[in-house]
């Protein structure tokens, strides 16, 4: 009887060691690789301008800007509350598809918007907002 108890304890001990080793391996050595951030360029191209997503800022003379929304996708001109200078490189943080309707005809279509983050060259100012794919140029 004592032999069975000893063997049982050894088996439990071995299984516990295997379990701890597996846990340590998955937590310490099998880390998922961090995703490479997607860097894109915001541009005020013809489609972006035709859709009312471009504007002009008076900073350092007149500069073309891409318009967006701080809290979510915006297409109405009077509701834009954030802008990015055209030709700016930004990092895509998130994307979503939004159902929109054409002004003339009311035909519905799906449009992708991306939440982008711009960091100034000094690294002390960050601006985040949602921008339509019409205004994004991928490399």
Protein backbone atom coordinates (compact mmCIF):
# COMPACT_ATOMS: atom_id res chain seq x y z
CA UNK A 1 0.00 0.00 0.00
CA UNK A 2 2.85 2.34 0.86
CA UNK A 3 4.35 1.74 -2.62
CA UNK A 4 1.16 2.94 -4.33
CA UNK A 5 1.09 6.07 -2.20
CA UNK A 6 4.75 6.82 -2.97
CA UNK A 7 4.26 6.28 -6.72
CA UNK A 8 1.08 8.39 -6.66
CA UNK A 9 2.90 11.26 -4.96
CA UNK A 10 5.76 11.04 -7.49
CA UNK A 11 3.29 11.14 -10.39
CA UNK A 12 1.50 14.18 -8.92
CA UNK A 13 4.86 15.90 -8.34
CA UNK A 14 6.00 15.22 -11.93
CA UNK A 15 2.69 16.49 -13.36
CA UNK A 16 2.94 19.64 -11.23
CA UNK A 17 6.49 20.31 -12.48
CA UNK A 18 5.37 19.79 -16.09
CA UNK A 19 2.43 22.16 -15.53
CA UNK A 20 4.64 24.87 -14.01
CA UNK A 21 7.22 24.48 -16.80
CA UNK A 22 4.50 24.77 -19.45
CA UNK A 23 3.04 27.87 -17.80
CA UNK A 24 6.48 29.50 -17.56
CA UNK A 25 7.28 28.64 -21.18
CA UNK A 26 4.05 30.16 -22.52
CA UNK A 27 4.36 33.32 -20.41
CA UNK A 28 8.06 34.06 -20.70
CA UNK A 29 9.35 32.60 -23.94
CA UNK A 30 6.36 32.46 -26.23
CA UNK A 31 5.47 36.18 -26.26
CA UNK A 32 3.49 37.31 -29.30
CA UNK A 33 5.40 39.69 -31.53
CA UNK A 34 4.26 43.29 -31.34
CA UNK A 35 2.52 44.42 -34.46
CA UNK A 36 4.39 46.90 -36.60
CA UNK A 37 2.46 50.17 -36.61
CA UNK A 38 0.90 51.12 -39.94
CA UNK A 39 2.22 54.50 -41.06
CA UNK A 40 0.22 56.28 -43.79
CA UNK A 41 0.21 59.71 -45.39
CA UNK A 42 -2.81 62.01 -45.24
CA UNK A 43 -3.41 63.74 -48.57
CA UNK A 44 -5.94 66.21 -49.82
CA UNK A 45 -6.40 64.56 -53.20
CA UNK A 46 -9.28 65.15 -55.64
CA UNK A 47 -11.60 62.54 -54.09
CA UNK A 48 -10.89 63.83 -50.58
CA UNK A 49 -11.61 67.43 -51.66
CA UNK A 50 -14.72 66.44 -53.67
CA UNK A 51 -16.13 64.76 -50.55
CA UNK A 52 -15.61 67.89 -48.42
CA UNK A 53 -12.83 66.43 -46.30
CA UNK A 54 -10.22 69.14 -47.08
CA UNK A 55 -9.76 72.65 -45.84
CA UNK A 56 -7.23 75.45 -45.40
CA UNK A 57 -5.45 76.49 -42.20
CA UNK A 58 -3.94 79.92 -41.69
CA UNK A 59 -0.89 78.66 -39.74
CA UNK A 60 2.39 79.84 -41.34
CA UNK A 61 0.52 81.03 -44.41
CA UNK A 62 -2.25 79.03 -46.01
CA UNK A 63 -1.77 75.29 -45.70
CA UNK A 64 -4.02 72.53 -46.97
CA UNK A 65 -5.44 70.29 -44.27
CA UNK A 66 -7.37 67.02 -44.07
CA UNK A 67 -10.45 67.32 -41.85
CA UNK A 68 -11.70 64.71 -39.39
CA UNK A 69 -13.57 64.04 -36.19
CA UNK A 70 -12.08 63.69 -32.71
CA UNK A 71 -14.63 61.23 -31.34
CA UNK A 72 -15.76 59.45 -34.49
CA UNK A 73 -16.15 59.60 -38.26
CA UNK A 74 -17.50 62.90 -39.60
CA UNK A 75 -18.53 63.82 -43.16
CA UNK A 76 -20.62 66.96 -42.55
CA UNK A 77 -18.54 70.13 -43.06
CA UNK A 78 -19.83 71.93 -39.97
CA UNK A 79 -19.07 68.98 -37.67
CA UNK A 80 -15.34 68.55 -38.31
CA UNK A 81 -13.44 69.28 -35.09
CA UNK A 82 -9.87 68.19 -35.87
CA UNK A 83 -7.48 68.64 -38.78
CA UNK A 84 -4.13 67.33 -39.95
CA UNK A 85 -1.79 69.04 -42.41
CA UNK A 86 -1.90 67.42 -45.84
CA UNK A 87 1.16 65.26 -46.56
CA UNK A 88 1.51 64.42 -42.84
CA UNK A 89 2.64 60.95 -41.83
CA UNK A 90 0.38 59.43 -39.19
CA UNK A 91 -0.04 56.09 -37.45
CA UNK A 92 -3.29 54.15 -37.94
CA UNK A 93 -4.62 53.10 -34.53
CA UNK A 94 -8.02 51.68 -35.48
CA UNK A 95 -10.43 51.40 -38.42
CA UNK A 96 -14.18 51.04 -38.84
CA UNK A 97 -16.67 50.84 -41.67
CA UNK A 98 -19.55 53.32 -41.71
CA UNK A 99 -22.72 53.19 -43.78
CA UNK A 100 -23.15 56.49 -45.66
CA UNK A 101 -25.70 57.78 -48.17
CA UNK A 102 -24.98 59.89 -51.26
CA UNK A 103 -26.40 63.42 -51.03
CA UNK A 104 -27.94 63.16 -54.47
CA UNK A 105 -29.98 60.02 -54.97
CA UNK A 106 -29.57 58.69 -51.44
CA UNK A 107 -27.68 55.59 -52.59
CA UNK A 108 -26.04 53.92 -49.60
CA UNK A 109 -22.43 52.75 -49.55
CA UNK A 110 -19.87 51.59 -47.02
CA UNK A 111 -16.88 53.80 -46.27
CA UNK A 112 -13.86 52.99 -44.12
CA UNK A 113 -12.62 55.54 -41.59
CA UNK A 114 -9.36 55.23 -39.67
CA UNK A 115 -8.45 56.65 -36.29
CA UNK A 116 -5.03 58.16 -36.84
CA UNK A 117 -2.47 59.63 -34.49
CA UNK A 118 -0.04 62.41 -35.41
CA UNK A 119 2.98 63.13 -33.25
CA UNK A 120 4.86 66.36 -33.83
CA UNK A 121 8.60 66.14 -34.61
CA UNK A 122 9.55 67.13 -31.05
CA UNK A 123 7.35 64.35 -29.67
CA UNK A 124 5.45 66.52 -27.21
CA UNK A 125 2.13 67.08 -29.00
CA UNK A 126 -0.17 64.31 -30.17
CA UNK A 127 -3.33 64.79 -32.21
CA UNK A 128 -5.80 61.96 -32.76
CA UNK A 129 -8.87 61.84 -34.97
CA UNK A 130 -10.95 59.85 -37.45
CA UNK A 131 -10.21 60.40 -41.15
CA UNK A 132 -11.92 58.95 -44.24
CA UNK A 133 -10.01 56.50 -46.43
CA UNK A 134 -10.49 58.94 -49.32
CA UNK A 135 -7.75 61.04 -47.73
CA UNK A 136 -5.29 58.26 -46.84
CA UNK A 137 -2.42 57.23 -49.06
CA UNK A 138 -0.82 53.89 -48.27
CA UNK A 139 2.66 53.03 -49.45
